Amino acid sequence: MSFNSKEGNNPAGSSRATVADDEPNEYSILNLDLDKFTSEEEVSHLFQMWKKEMKREYQTQEEESERFQVFKSNLKYIKEKNAKRESPNDCKLGLNQFSDMSYEEFSKTYLHETDAPPLEEL
C-alpha cells in the first residue's frame, strides 16, 4: 500500500494553506522539516505527533501498525518529491489528514468518476 506506484496522484497535500485558520503555525506538525526524521524511532515519534494533531485513533494495534506503514511510505514519497523541487516557489508536499491512507484507499474514498454534462445544442 504505497503512493509510489502512481506518480502525480497522491493524497499528500501541499503544506501551504489557503485559509488563515488552517495555516500551520510554529507548533503545528505541518510546519516541521520532515527531512530531519530519518530513523525508525524518529518517524514513529512523528507519527505519534501526527496522530495527536489529527485526533486520529485506531481500533486495534494491528490497524495502527498498518497505518504506520502507510504513513512511512507516504513520508518517503513526500521527501522524494520535495527533494526534486527546483525552486522554493515549486509546490511543496507535506503531511495532511490523508497521510495514513494509501493511494488506492484515498482514490476509492474521495475520487469518483462523474458523467460529463450533456452538451447543449446551439
PDB file of N, CA and C in Angstrom:
ATOM      1  N   MET A   1       0.841  -1.181   0.000  1.00  0.00           N
ATOM      2  CA  MET A   1       0.000   0.000   0.000  1.00  0.00           C
ATOM      3  C   MET A   1       0.878   1.234   0.000  1.00  0.00           C
ATOM      4  N   SER A   2       1.093   1.796  -1.194  1.00  0.00           N
ATOM      5  CA  SER A   2       2.015   2.908  -1.300  1.00  0.00           C
ATOM      6  C   SER A   2       1.568   3.855  -2.397  1.00  0.00           C
ATOM      7  N   PHE A   3       1.914   5.115  -2.262  1.00  0.00           N
ATOM      8  CA  PHE A   3       1.622   6.084  -3.300  1.00  0.00           C
ATOM      9  C   PHE A   3       2.662   6.033  -4.400  1.00  0.00           C
ATOM     10  N   ASN A   4       3.772   5.395  -4.162  1.00  0.00           N
ATOM     11  CA  ASN A   4       4.876   5.433  -5.102  1.00  0.00           C
ATOM     12  C   ASN A   4       4.521   4.848  -6.457  1.00  0.00           C
ATOM     13  N   SER A   5       3.499   4.003  -6.526  1.00  0.00           N
ATOM     14  CA  SER A   5       3.139   3.381  -7.782  1.00  0.00           C
ATOM     15  C   SER A   5       2.369   4.323  -8.704  1.00  0.00           C
ATOM     16  N   LYS A   6       1.881   5.423  -8.214  1.00  0.00           N
ATOM     17  CA  LYS A   6       1.064   6.340  -9.004  1.00  0.00           C
ATOM     18  C   LYS A   6       1.701   7.717  -9.003  1.00  0.00           C
ATOM     19  N   GLU A   7       2.625   7.969  -9.891  1.00  0.00           N
ATOM     20  CA  GLU A   7       3.282   9.259  -9.949  1.00  0.00           C
ATOM     21  C   GLU A   7       2.256  10.361 -10.188  1.00  0.00           C
ATOM     22  N   GLY A   8       2.344  11.394  -9.403  1.00  0.00           N
ATOM     23  CA  GLY A   8       1.494  12.553  -9.579  1.00  0.00           C
ATOM     24  C   GLY A   8       0.116  12.423  -8.957  1.00  0.00           C
ATOM     25  N   ASN A   9      -0.262  11.252  -8.528  1.00  0.00           N
ATOM     26  CA  ASN A   9      -1.573  11.045  -7.928  1.00  0.00           C
ATOM     27  C   ASN A   9      -1.404  10.562  -6.511  1.00  0.00           C
ATOM     28  N   ASN A  10      -1.512  11.448  -5.565  1.00  0.00           N
ATOM     29  CA  ASN A  10      -1.401  11.028  -4.175  1.00  0.00           C
ATOM     30  C   ASN A  10      -2.112  12.010  -3.272  1.00  0.00           C
ATOM     31  N   PRO A  11      -2.504  11.545  -2.113  1.00  0.00           N
ATOM     32  CA  PRO A  11      -3.172  12.447  -1.197  1.00  0.00           C
ATOM     33  C   PRO A  11      -2.240  13.264  -0.338  1.00  0.00           C
ATOM     34  N   ALA A  12      -0.962  13.176  -0.552  1.00  0.00           N
ATOM     35  CA  ALA A  12      -0.029  14.005   0.206  1.00  0.00           C
ATOM     36  C   ALA A  12      -0.231  15.436  -0.254  1.00  0.00           C
ATOM     37  N   GLY A  13      -0.652  16.303   0.621  1.00  0.00           N
ATOM     38  CA  GLY A  13      -1.061  17.640   0.222  1.00  0.00           C
ATOM     39  C   GLY A  13       0.021  18.681   0.401  1.00  0.00           C
ATOM     40  N   SER A  14      -0.245  19.801  -0.183  1.00  0.00           N
ATOM     41  CA  SER A  14       0.649  20.931  -0.023  1.00  0.00           C
ATOM     42  C   SER A  14       0.579  21.428   1.414  1.00  0.00           C
ATOM     43  N   SER A  15       1.720  21.843   1.935  1.00  0.00           N
ATOM     44  CA  SER A  15       1.730  22.367   3.291  1.00  0.00           C
ATOM     45  C   SER A  15       1.274  23.820   3.325  1.00  0.00           C
ATOM     46  N   ARG A  16       0.994  24.389   2.159  1.00  0.00           N
ATOM     47  CA  ARG A  16       0.510  25.760   2.101  1.00  0.00           C
ATOM     48  C   ARG A  16      -1.004  25.762   2.230  1.00  0.00           C
ATOM     49  N   ALA A  17      -1.516  26.432   3.216  1.00  0.00           N
ATOM     50  CA  ALA A  17      -2.960  26.506   3.412  1.00  0.00           C
ATOM     51  C   ALA A  17      -3.479  27.783   2.774  1.00  0.00           C
ATOM     52  N   THR A  18      -4.741  27.778   2.371  1.00  0.00           N
ATOM     53  CA  THR A  18      -5.306  28.960   1.751  1.00  0.00           C
ATOM     54  C   THR A  18      -6.190  29.740   2.716  1.00  0.00           C
ATOM     55  N   VAL A  19      -6.624  29.130   3.779  1.00  0.00           N
ATOM     56  CA  VAL A  19      -7.454  29.793   4.777  1.00  0.00           C
ATOM     57  C   VAL A  19      -6.588  30.108   5.984  1.00  0.00           C
ATOM     58  N   ALA A  20      -6.666  31.324   6.463  1.00  0.00           N
ATOM     59  CA  ALA A  20      -5.792  31.764   7.555  1.00  0.00           C
ATOM     60  C   ALA A  20      -5.859  30.830   8.761  1.00  0.00           C
ATOM     61  N   ASP A  21      -7.057  30.345   9.101  1.00  0.00           N
ATOM     62  CA  ASP A  21      -7.188  29.471  10.267  1.00  0.00           C
ATOM     63  C   ASP A  21      -6.516  28.123  10.063  1.00  0.00           C
ATOM     64  N   ASP A  22      -6.301  27.727   8.811  1.00  0.00           N
ATOM     65  CA  ASP A  22      -5.716  26.425   8.521  1.00  0.00           C
ATOM     66  C   ASP A  22      -4.206  26.483   8.311  1.00  0.00           C
ATOM     67  N   GLU A  23      -3.630  27.669   8.338  1.00  0.00           N
ATOM     68  CA  GLU A  23      -2.208  27.779   8.102  1.00  0.00           C
ATOM     69  C   GLU A  23      -1.430  27.176   9.269  1.00  0.00           C
ATOM     70  N   PRO A  24      -0.362  26.420   8.928  1.00  0.00           N
ATOM     71  CA  PRO A  24       0.426  25.839  10.007  1.00  0.00           C
ATOM     72  C   PRO A  24       1.115  26.929  10.817  1.00  0.00           C
ATOM     73  N   ASN A  25       1.153  26.739  12.115  1.00  0.00           N
ATOM     74  CA  ASN A  25       1.878  27.681  12.951  1.00  0.00           C
ATOM     75  C   ASN A  25       3.146  26.995  13.443  1.00  0.00           C
ATOM     76  N   GLU A  26       3.915  27.675  14.240  1.00  0.00           N
ATOM     77  CA  GLU A  26       5.198  27.118  14.666  1.00  0.00           C
ATOM     78  C   GLU A  26       5.042  25.856  15.501  1.00  0.00           C
ATOM     79  N   TYR A  27       3.858  25.593  16.031  1.00  0.00           N
ATOM     80  CA  TYR A  27       3.641  24.402  16.845  1.00  0.00           C
ATOM     81  C   TYR A  27       2.960  23.282  16.069  1.00  0.00           C
ATOM     82  N   SER A  28       2.627  23.532  14.826  1.00  0.00           N
ATOM     83  CA  SER A  28       1.912  22.558  14.014  1.00  0.00           C
ATOM     84  C   SER A  28       2.859  21.523  13.430  1.00  0.00           C
ATOM     85  N   ILE A  29       2.378  20.309  13.329  1.00  0.00           N
ATOM     86  CA  ILE A  29       3.159  19.249  12.694  1.00  0.00           C
ATOM     87  C   ILE A  29       3.350  19.537  11.212  1.00  0.00           C
ATOM     88  N   LEU A  30       2.462  20.347  10.635  1.00  0.00           N
ATOM     89  CA  LEU A  30       2.561  20.674   9.224  1.00  0.00           C
ATOM     90  C   LEU A  30       3.724  21.617   8.934  1.00  0.00           C
ATOM     91  N   ASN A  31       4.300  22.193   9.961  1.00  0.00           N
ATOM     92  CA  ASN A  31       5.368  23.169   9.794  1.00  0.00           C
ATOM     93  C   ASN A  31       6.756  22.567  10.055  1.00  0.00           C
ATOM     94  N   LEU A  32       6.848  21.262  10.214  1.00  0.00           N
ATOM     95  CA  LEU A  32       8.120  20.618  10.546  1.00  0.00           C
ATOM     96  C   LEU A  32       8.969  20.363   9.312  1.00  0.00           C
ATOM     97  N   ASP A  33      10.282  20.356   9.499  1.00  0.00           N
ATOM     98  CA  ASP A  33      11.208  19.948   8.444  1.00  0.00           C
ATOM     99  C   ASP A  33      11.240  18.420   8.452  1.00  0.00           C
ATOM    100  N   LEU A  34      10.522  17.816   7.529  1.00  0.00           N
ATOM    101  CA  LEU A  34      10.358  16.361   7.527  1.00  0.00           C
ATOM    102  C   LEU A  34      11.652  15.609   7.239  1.00  0.00           C
ATOM    103  N   ASP A  35      12.627  16.267   6.625  1.00  0.00           N
ATOM    104  CA  ASP A  35      13.903  15.606   6.338  1.00  0.00           C
ATOM    105  C   ASP A  35      14.676  15.267   7.605  1.00  0.00           C
ATOM    106  N   LYS A  36      14.342  15.890   8.709  1.00  0.00           N
ATOM    107  CA  LYS A  36      15.039  15.623   9.974  1.00  0.00           C
ATOM    108  C   LYS A  36      14.627  14.293  10.588  1.00  0.00           C
ATOM    109  N   PHE A  37      13.534  13.719  10.121  1.00  0.00           N
ATOM    110  CA  PHE A  37      13.028  12.455  10.667  1.00  0.00           C
ATOM    111  C   PHE A  37      13.528  11.316   9.790  1.00  0.00           C
ATOM    112  N   THR A  38      14.622  10.696  10.222  1.00  0.00           N
ATOM    113  CA  THR A  38      15.253   9.682   9.380  1.00  0.00           C
ATOM    114  C   THR A  38      15.214   8.281   9.986  1.00  0.00           C
ATOM    115  N   SER A  39      15.355   8.169  11.283  1.00  0.00           N
ATOM    116  CA  SER A  39      15.382   6.839  11.905  1.00  0.00           C
ATOM    117  C   SER A  39      13.962   6.331  12.132  1.00  0.00           C
ATOM    118  N   GLU A  40      13.829   5.045  12.308  1.00  0.00           N
ATOM    119  CA  GLU A  40      12.530   4.435  12.606  1.00  0.00           C
ATOM    120  C   GLU A  40      11.921   5.050  13.869  1.00  0.00           C
ATOM    121  N   GLU A  41      12.758   5.286  14.864  1.00  0.00           N
ATOM    122  CA  GLU A  41      12.288   5.866  16.122  1.00  0.00           C
ATOM    123  C   GLU A  41      11.763   7.288  15.901  1.00  0.00           C
ATOM    124  N   GLU A  42      12.486   8.083  15.121  1.00  0.00           N
ATOM    125  CA  GLU A  42      12.058   9.455  14.847  1.00  0.00           C
ATOM    126  C   GLU A  42      10.757   9.491  14.043  1.00  0.00           C
ATOM    127  N   VAL A  43      10.647   8.599  13.062  1.00  0.00           N
ATOM    128  CA  VAL A  43       9.433   8.541  12.251  1.00  0.00           C
ATOM    129  C   VAL A  43       8.256   8.069  13.106  1.00  0.00           C
ATOM    130  N   SER A  44       8.508   7.141  14.016  1.00  0.00           N
ATOM    131  CA  SER A  44       7.469   6.679  14.929  1.00  0.00           C
ATOM    132  C   SER A  44       6.990   7.835  15.814  1.00  0.00           C
ATOM    133  N   HIS A  45       7.924   8.624  16.291  1.00  0.00           N
ATOM    134  CA  HIS A  45       7.565   9.790  17.108  1.00  0.00           C
ATOM    135  C   HIS A  45       6.763  10.801  16.276  1.00  0.00           C
ATOM    136  N   LEU A  46       7.180  11.019  15.035  1.00  0.00           N
ATOM    137  CA  LEU A  46       6.459  11.915  14.133  1.00  0.00           C
ATOM    138  C   LEU A  46       5.028  11.409  13.927  1.00  0.00           C
ATOM    139  N   PHE A  47       4.868  10.104  13.743  1.00  0.00           N
ATOM    140  CA  PHE A  47       3.546   9.504  13.572  1.00  0.00           C
ATOM    141  C   PHE A  47       2.682   9.743  14.806  1.00  0.00           C
ATOM    142  N   GLN A  48       3.271   9.603  15.974  1.00  0.00           N
ATOM    143  CA  GLN A  48       2.522   9.841  17.211  1.00  0.00           C
ATOM    144  C   GLN A  48       2.091  11.308  17.307  1.00  0.00           C
ATOM    145  N   MET A  49       2.970  12.218  16.934  1.00  0.00           N
ATOM    146  CA  MET A  49       2.617  13.653  16.938  1.00  0.00           C
ATOM    147  C   MET A  49       1.520  13.932  15.917  1.00  0.00           C
ATOM    148  N   TRP A  50       1.652  13.319  14.730  1.00  0.00           N
ATOM    149  CA  TRP A  50       0.654  13.492  13.677  1.00  0.00           C
ATOM    150  C   TRP A  50      -0.707  12.975  14.151  1.00  0.00           C
ATOM    151  N   LYS A  51      -0.728  11.796  14.760  1.00  0.00           N
ATOM    152  CA  LYS A  51      -1.988  11.224  15.258  1.00  0.00           C
ATOM    153  C   LYS A  51      -2.646  12.166  16.268  1.00  0.00           C
ATOM    154  N   LYS A  52      -1.841  12.721  17.146  1.00  0.00           N
ATOM    155  CA  LYS A  52      -2.375  13.630  18.167  1.00  0.00           C
ATOM    156  C   LYS A  52      -2.966  14.877  17.511  1.00  0.00           C
ATOM    157  N   GLU A  53      -2.227  15.469  16.580  1.00  0.00           N
ATOM    158  CA  GLU A  53      -2.698  16.688  15.926  1.00  0.00           C
ATOM    159  C   GLU A  53      -3.950  16.430  15.084  1.00  0.00           C
ATOM    160  N   MET A  54      -4.007  15.269  14.449  1.00  0.00           N
ATOM    161  CA  MET A  54      -5.152  14.933  13.604  1.00  0.00           C
ATOM    162  C   MET A  54      -6.280  14.268  14.388  1.00  0.00           C
ATOM    163  N   LYS A  55      -6.055  14.080  15.694  1.00  0.00           N
ATOM    164  CA  LYS A  55      -7.045  13.424  16.550  1.00  0.00           C
ATOM    165  C   LYS A  55      -7.426  12.054  16.003  1.00  0.00           C
ATOM    166  N   ARG A  56      -6.413  11.323  15.591  1.00  0.00           N
ATOM    167  CA  ARG A  56      -6.602  10.010  14.973  1.00  0.00           C
ATOM    168  C   ARG A  56      -6.420   8.913  16.006  1.00  0.00           C
ATOM    169  N   GLU A  57      -7.387   8.023  16.084  1.00  0.00           N
ATOM    170  CA  GLU A  57      -7.300   6.859  16.947  1.00  0.00           C
ATOM    171  C   GLU A  57      -7.662   5.635  16.120  1.00  0.00           C
ATOM    172  N   TYR A  58      -7.038   4.519  16.411  1.00  0.00           N
ATOM    173  CA  TYR A  58      -7.289   3.290  15.676  1.00  0.00           C
ATOM    174  C   TYR A  58      -7.921   2.263  16.600  1.00  0.00           C
ATOM    175  N   GLN A  59      -8.706   1.377  16.014  1.00  0.00           N
ATOM    176  CA  GLN A  59      -9.443   0.391  16.793  1.00  0.00           C
ATOM    177  C   GLN A  59      -8.551  -0.685  17.408  1.00  0.00           C
ATOM    178  N   THR A  60      -7.490  -1.076  16.674  1.00  0.00           N
ATOM    179  CA  THR A  60      -6.618  -2.156  17.147  1.00  0.00           C
ATOM    180  C   THR A  60      -5.157  -1.782  16.933  1.00  0.00           C
ATOM    181  N   GLN A  61      -4.296  -2.508  17.600  1.00  0.00           N
ATOM    182  CA  GLN A  61      -2.856  -2.318  17.405  1.00  0.00           C
ATOM    183  C   GLN A  61      -2.457  -2.719  15.979  1.00  0.00           C
ATOM    184  N   GLU A  62      -3.126  -3.715  15.441  1.00  0.00           N
ATOM    185  CA  GLU A  62      -2.853  -4.161  14.067  1.00  0.00           C
ATOM    186  C   GLU A  62      -3.167  -3.048  13.064  1.00  0.00           C
ATOM    187  N   GLU A  63      -4.316  -2.401  13.246  1.00  0.00           N
ATOM    188  CA  GLU A  63      -4.674  -1.295  12.363  1.00  0.00           C
ATOM    189  C   GLU A  63      -3.667  -0.157  12.497  1.00  0.00           C
ATOM    190  N   GLU A  64      -3.262   0.147  13.715  1.00  0.00           N
ATOM    191  CA  GLU A  64      -2.274   1.217  13.917  1.00  0.00           C
ATOM    192  C   GLU A  64      -0.957   0.871  13.233  1.00  0.00           C
ATOM    193  N   SER A  65      -0.552  -0.369  13.328  1.00  0.00           N
ATOM    194  CA  SER A  65       0.684  -0.810  12.683  1.00  0.00           C
ATOM    195  C   SER A  65       0.582  -0.686  11.163  1.00  0.00           C
ATOM    196  N   GLU A  66      -0.556  -1.069  10.604  1.00  0.00           N
ATOM    197  CA  GLU A  66      -0.763  -0.948   9.150  1.00  0.00           C
ATOM    198  C   GLU A  66      -0.751   0.515   8.734  1.00  0.00           C
ATOM    199  N   ARG A  67      -1.416   1.368   9.497  1.00  0.00           N
ATOM    200  CA  ARG A  67      -1.463   2.805   9.183  1.00  0.00           C
ATOM    201  C   ARG A  67      -0.073   3.441   9.307  1.00  0.00           C
ATOM    202  N   PHE A  68       0.709   2.967  10.246  1.00  0.00           N
ATOM    203  CA  PHE A  68       2.071   3.472  10.396  1.00  0.00           C
ATOM    204  C   PHE A  68       2.905   3.108   9.167  1.00  0.00           C
ATOM    205  N   GLN A  69       2.735   1.918   8.644  1.00  0.00           N
ATOM    206  CA  GLN A  69       3.468   1.512   7.438  1.00  0.00           C
ATOM    207  C   GLN A  69       3.085   2.406   6.254  1.00  0.00           C
ATOM    208  N   VAL A  70       1.805   2.705   6.108  1.00  0.00           N
ATOM    209  CA  VAL A  70       1.341   3.597   5.043  1.00  0.00           C
ATOM    210  C   VAL A  70       1.892   4.998   5.260  1.00  0.00           C
ATOM    211  N   PHE A  71       1.857   5.462   6.500  1.00  0.00           N
ATOM    212  CA  PHE A  71       2.389   6.785   6.853  1.00  0.00           C
ATOM    213  C   PHE A  71       3.867   6.867   6.455  1.00  0.00           C
ATOM    214  N   LYS A  72       4.638   5.843   6.775  1.00  0.00           N
ATOM    215  CA  LYS A  72       6.073   5.828   6.428  1.00  0.00           C
ATOM    216  C   LYS A  72       6.261   5.885   4.914  1.00  0.00           C
ATOM    217  N   SER A  73       5.469   5.131   4.191  1.00  0.00           N
ATOM    218  CA  SER A  73       5.556   5.132   2.732  1.00  0.00           C
ATOM    219  C   SER A  73       5.228   6.516   2.172  1.00  0.00           C
ATOM    220  N   ASN A  74       4.186   7.138   2.700  1.00  0.00           N
ATOM    221  CA  ASN A  74       3.811   8.478   2.243  1.00  0.00           C
ATOM    222  C   ASN A  74       4.866   9.518   2.614  1.00  0.00           C
ATOM    223  N   LEU A  75       5.453   9.379   3.784  1.00  0.00           N
ATOM    224  CA  LEU A  75       6.522  10.289   4.202  1.00  0.00           C
ATOM    225  C   LEU A  75       7.711  10.181   3.251  1.00  0.00           C
ATOM    226  N   LYS A  76       8.040   8.967   2.877  1.00  0.00           N
ATOM    227  CA  LYS A  76       9.138   8.750   1.914  1.00  0.00           C
ATOM    228  C   LYS A  76       8.806   9.423   0.588  1.00  0.00           C
ATOM    229  N   TYR A  77       7.585   9.246   0.112  1.00  0.00           N
ATOM    230  CA  TYR A  77       7.140   9.864  -1.134  1.00  0.00           C
ATOM    231  C   TYR A  77       7.245  11.393  -1.041  1.00  0.00           C
ATOM    232  N   ILE A  78       6.766  11.955   0.058  1.00  0.00           N
ATOM    233  CA  ILE A  78       6.813  13.407   0.268  1.00  0.00           C
ATOM    234  C   ILE A  78       8.257  13.903   0.219  1.00  0.00           C
ATOM    235  N   LYS A  79       9.143  13.228   0.927  1.00  0.00           N
ATOM    236  CA  LYS A  79      10.557  13.639   0.955  1.00  0.00           C
ATOM    237  C   LYS A  79      11.179  13.566  -0.435  1.00  0.00           C
ATOM    238  N   GLU A  80      10.885  12.481  -1.163  1.00  0.00           N
ATOM    239  CA  GLU A  80      11.455  12.315  -2.507  1.00  0.00           C
ATOM    240  C   GLU A  80      10.963  13.408  -3.454  1.00  0.00           C
ATOM    241  N   LYS A  81       9.674  13.694  -3.425  1.00  0.00           N
ATOM    242  CA  LYS A  81       9.129  14.738  -4.300  1.00  0.00           C
ATOM    243  C   LYS A  81       9.672  16.109  -3.931  1.00  0.00           C
ATOM    244  N   ASN A  82       9.754  16.408  -2.650  1.00  0.00           N
ATOM    245  CA  ASN A  82      10.270  17.710  -2.225  1.00  0.00           C
ATOM    246  C   ASN A  82      11.744  17.869  -2.564  1.00  0.00           C
ATOM    247  N   ALA A  83      12.495  16.775  -2.557  1.00  0.00           N
ATOM    248  CA  ALA A  83      13.917  16.840  -2.902  1.00  0.00           C
ATOM    249  C   ALA A  83      14.119  17.210  -4.373  1.00  0.00           C
ATOM    250  N   LYS A  84      13.124  16.980  -5.201  1.00  0.00           N
ATOM    251  CA  LYS A  84      13.218  17.273  -6.637  1.00  0.00           C
ATOM    252  C   LYS A  84      12.763  18.682  -6.987  1.00  0.00           C
ATOM    253  N   ARG A  85      12.360  19.441  -5.972  1.00  0.00           N
ATOM    254  CA  ARG A  85      11.945  20.815  -6.234  1.00  0.00           C
ATOM    255  C   ARG A  85      13.120  21.606  -6.779  1.00  0.00           C
ATOM    256  N   GLU A  86      12.874  22.381  -7.814  1.00  0.00           N
ATOM    257  CA  GLU A  86      13.937  23.169  -8.426  1.00  0.00           C
ATOM    258  C   GLU A  86      13.968  24.603  -7.919  1.00  0.00           C
ATOM    259  N   SER A  87      12.897  25.003  -7.244  1.00  0.00           N
ATOM    260  CA  SER A  87      12.791  26.382  -6.772  1.00  0.00           C
ATOM    261  C   SER A  87      11.981  26.391  -5.476  1.00  0.00           C
ATOM    262  N   PRO A  88      12.270  27.343  -4.595  1.00  0.00           N
ATOM    263  CA  PRO A  88      11.449  27.463  -3.381  1.00  0.00           C
ATOM    264  C   PRO A  88       9.989  27.755  -3.701  1.00  0.00           C
ATOM    265  N   ASN A  89       9.706  28.225  -4.912  1.00  0.00           N
ATOM    266  CA  ASN A  89       8.334  28.528  -5.321  1.00  0.00           C
ATOM    267  C   ASN A  89       7.584  27.317  -5.854  1.00  0.00           C
ATOM    268  N   ASP A  90       8.307  26.204  -6.083  1.00  0.00           N
ATOM    269  CA  ASP A  90       7.660  24.979  -6.543  1.00  0.00           C
ATOM    270  C   ASP A  90       6.787  24.413  -5.430  1.00  0.00           C
ATOM    271  N   CYS A  91       5.798  23.648  -5.818  1.00  0.00           N
ATOM    272  CA  CYS A  91       4.894  23.011  -4.864  1.00  0.00           C
ATOM    273  C   CYS A  91       5.682  22.190  -3.846  1.00  0.00           C
ATOM    274  N   LYS A  92       5.305  22.328  -2.591  1.00  0.00           N
ATOM    275  CA  LYS A  92       5.958  21.564  -1.525  1.00  0.00           C
ATOM    276  C   LYS A  92       4.917  20.680  -0.859  1.00  0.00           C
ATOM    277  N   LEU A  93       5.161  19.383  -0.873  1.00  0.00           N
ATOM    278  CA  LEU A  93       4.257  18.442  -0.236  1.00  0.00           C
ATOM    279  C   LEU A  93       4.512  18.399   1.260  1.00  0.00           C
ATOM    280  N   GLY A  94       3.501  18.016   2.009  1.00  0.00           N
ATOM    281  CA  GLY A  94       3.638  17.901   3.452  1.00  0.00           C
ATOM    282  C   GLY A  94       2.602  16.941   4.006  1.00  0.00           C
ATOM    283  N   LEU A  95       2.650  16.738   5.279  1.00  0.00           N
ATOM    284  CA  LEU A  95       1.689  15.875   5.948  1.00  0.00           C
ATOM    285  C   LEU A  95       0.330  16.563   5.990  1.00  0.00           C
ATOM    286  N   ASN A  96      -0.716  15.758   5.872  1.00  0.00           N
ATOM    287  CA  ASN A  96      -2.076  16.278   5.998  1.00  0.00           C
ATOM    288  C   ASN A  96      -2.969  15.193   6.579  1.00  0.00           C
ATOM    289  N   GLN A  97      -4.267  15.420   6.575  1.00  0.00           N
ATOM    290  CA  GLN A  97      -5.189  14.479   7.190  1.00  0.00           C
ATOM    291  C   GLN A  97      -5.264  13.146   6.453  1.00  0.00           C
ATOM    292  N   PHE A  98      -4.678  13.039   5.275  1.00  0.00           N
ATOM    293  CA  PHE A  98      -4.715  11.812   4.494  1.00  0.00           C
ATOM    294  C   PHE A  98      -3.408  11.023   4.572  1.00  0.00           C
ATOM    295  N   SER A  99      -2.495  11.422   5.414  1.00  0.00           N
ATOM    296  CA  SER A  99      -1.151  10.837   5.437  1.00  0.00           C
ATOM    297  C   SER A  99      -1.101   9.388   5.892  1.00  0.00           C
ATOM    298  N   ASP A 100      -2.196   8.864   6.422  1.00  0.00           N
ATOM    299  CA  ASP A 100      -2.215   7.454   6.804  1.00  0.00           C
ATOM    300  C   ASP A 100      -3.064   6.617   5.846  1.00  0.00           C
ATOM    301  N   MET A 101      -3.371   7.188   4.675  1.00  0.00           N
ATOM    302  CA  MET A 101      -4.168   6.477   3.674  1.00  0.00           C
ATOM    303  C   MET A 101      -3.314   6.138   2.461  1.00  0.00           C
ATOM    304  N   SER A 102      -3.507   4.945   1.923  1.00  0.00           N
ATOM    305  CA  SER A 102      -2.834   4.563   0.684  1.00  0.00           C
ATOM    306  C   SER A 102      -3.482   5.300  -0.486  1.00  0.00           C
ATOM    307  N   TYR A 103      -2.784   5.344  -1.600  1.00  0.00           N
ATOM    308  CA  TYR A 103      -3.344   5.970  -2.794  1.00  0.00           C
ATOM    309  C   TYR A 103      -4.653   5.276  -3.185  1.00  0.00           C
ATOM    310  N   GLU A 104      -4.643   3.954  -3.138  1.00  0.00           N
ATOM    311  CA  GLU A 104      -5.822   3.184  -3.525  1.00  0.00           C
ATOM    312  C   GLU A 104      -7.008   3.513  -2.609  1.00  0.00           C
ATOM    313  N   GLU A 105      -6.761   3.562  -1.303  1.00  0.00           N
ATOM    314  CA  GLU A 105      -7.816   3.869  -0.351  1.00  0.00           C
ATOM    315  C   GLU A 105      -8.342   5.297  -0.549  1.00  0.00           C
ATOM    316  N   PHE A 106      -7.432   6.234  -0.733  1.00  0.00           N
ATOM    317  CA  PHE A 106      -7.823   7.622  -0.969  1.00  0.00           C
ATOM    318  C   PHE A 106      -8.675   7.730  -2.231  1.00  0.00           C
ATOM    319  N   SER A 107      -8.211   7.080  -3.306  1.00  0.00           N
ATOM    320  CA  SER A 107      -8.942   7.132  -4.577  1.00  0.00           C
ATOM    321  C   SER A 107     -10.345   6.562  -4.443  1.00  0.00           C
ATOM    322  N   LYS A 108     -10.440   5.418  -3.805  1.00  0.00           N
ATOM    323  CA  LYS A 108     -11.740   4.763  -3.644  1.00  0.00           C
ATOM    324  C   LYS A 108     -12.687   5.623  -2.804  1.00  0.00           C
ATOM    325  N   THR A 109     -12.156   6.305  -1.810  1.00  0.00           N
ATOM    326  CA  THR A 109     -12.977   7.098  -0.907  1.00  0.00           C
ATOM    327  C   THR A 109     -13.334   8.473  -1.469  1.00  0.00           C
ATOM    328  N   TYR A 110     -12.371   9.139  -2.117  1.00  0.00           N
ATOM    329  CA  TYR A 110     -12.574  10.541  -2.477  1.00  0.00           C
ATOM    330  C   TYR A 110     -12.614  10.844  -3.967  1.00  0.00           C
ATOM    331  N   LEU A 111     -12.073   9.976  -4.804  1.00  0.00           N
ATOM    332  CA  LEU A 111     -12.036  10.261  -6.239  1.00  0.00           C
ATOM    333  C   LEU A 111     -13.062   9.387  -6.948  1.00  0.00           C
ATOM    334  N   HIS A 112     -14.057  10.002  -7.495  1.00  0.00           N
ATOM    335  CA  HIS A 112     -15.116   9.266  -8.167  1.00  0.00           C
ATOM    336  C   HIS A 112     -15.260   9.795  -9.584  1.00  0.00           C
ATOM    337  N   GLU A 113     -15.503   8.874 -10.514  1.00  0.00           N
ATOM    338  CA  GLU A 113     -15.766   9.301 -11.872  1.00  0.00           C
ATOM    339  C   GLU A 113     -17.145   9.924 -11.923  1.00  0.00           C
ATOM    340  N   THR A 114     -17.260  10.946 -12.737  1.00  0.00           N
ATOM    341  CA  THR A 114     -18.551  11.596 -12.909  1.00  0.00           C
ATOM    342  C   THR A 114     -18.870  11.630 -14.390  1.00  0.00           C
ATOM    343  N   ASP A 115     -20.122  11.674 -14.710  1.00  0.00           N
ATOM    344  CA  ASP A 115     -20.542  11.795 -16.095  1.00  0.00           C
ATOM    345  C   ASP A 115     -20.369  13.241 -16.525  1.00  0.00           C
ATOM    346  N   ALA A 116     -19.914  13.396 -17.764  1.00  0.00           N
ATOM    347  CA  ALA A 116     -19.792  14.753 -18.300  1.00  0.00           C
ATOM    348  C   ALA A 116     -21.178  15.317 -18.520  1.00  0.00           C
ATOM    349  N   PRO A 117     -21.360  16.590 -18.257  1.00  0.00           N
ATOM    350  CA  PRO A 117     -22.688  17.174 -18.502  1.00  0.00           C
ATOM    351  C   PRO A 117     -22.992  17.123 -20.000  1.00  0.00           C
ATOM    352  N   PRO A 118     -24.246  16.943 -20.350  1.00  0.00           N
ATOM    353  CA  PRO A 118     -24.592  16.871 -21.778  1.00  0.00           C
ATOM    354  C   PRO A 118     -24.291  18.199 -22.462  1.00  0.00           C
ATOM    355  N   LEU A 119     -23.807  18.095 -23.686  1.00  0.00           N
ATOM    356  CA  LEU A 119     -23.534  19.294 -24.473  1.00  0.00           C
ATOM    357  C   LEU A 119     -24.853  19.858 -24.978  1.00  0.00           C
ATOM    358  N   GLU A 120     -25.014  21.137 -24.787  1.00  0.00           N
ATOM    359  CA  GLU A 120     -26.239  21.775 -25.251  1.00  0.00           C
ATOM    360  C   GLU A 120     -26.116  22.096 -26.724  1.00  0.00           C
ATOM    361  N   GLU A 121     -27.186  21.882 -27.430  1.00  0.00           N
ATOM    362  CA  GLU A 121     -27.228  22.203 -28.861  1.00  0.00           C
ATOM    363  C   GLU A 121     -27.250  23.723 -29.019  1.00  0.00           C
ATOM    364  N   LEU A 122     -26.501  24.221 -29.979  1.00  0.00           N
ATOM    365  CA  LEU A 122     -26.501  25.673 -30.245  1.00  0.00           C
ATOM    366  C   LEU A 122     -27.597  26.072 -31.154  1.00  0.00           C
TER     367      LEU A 122
END
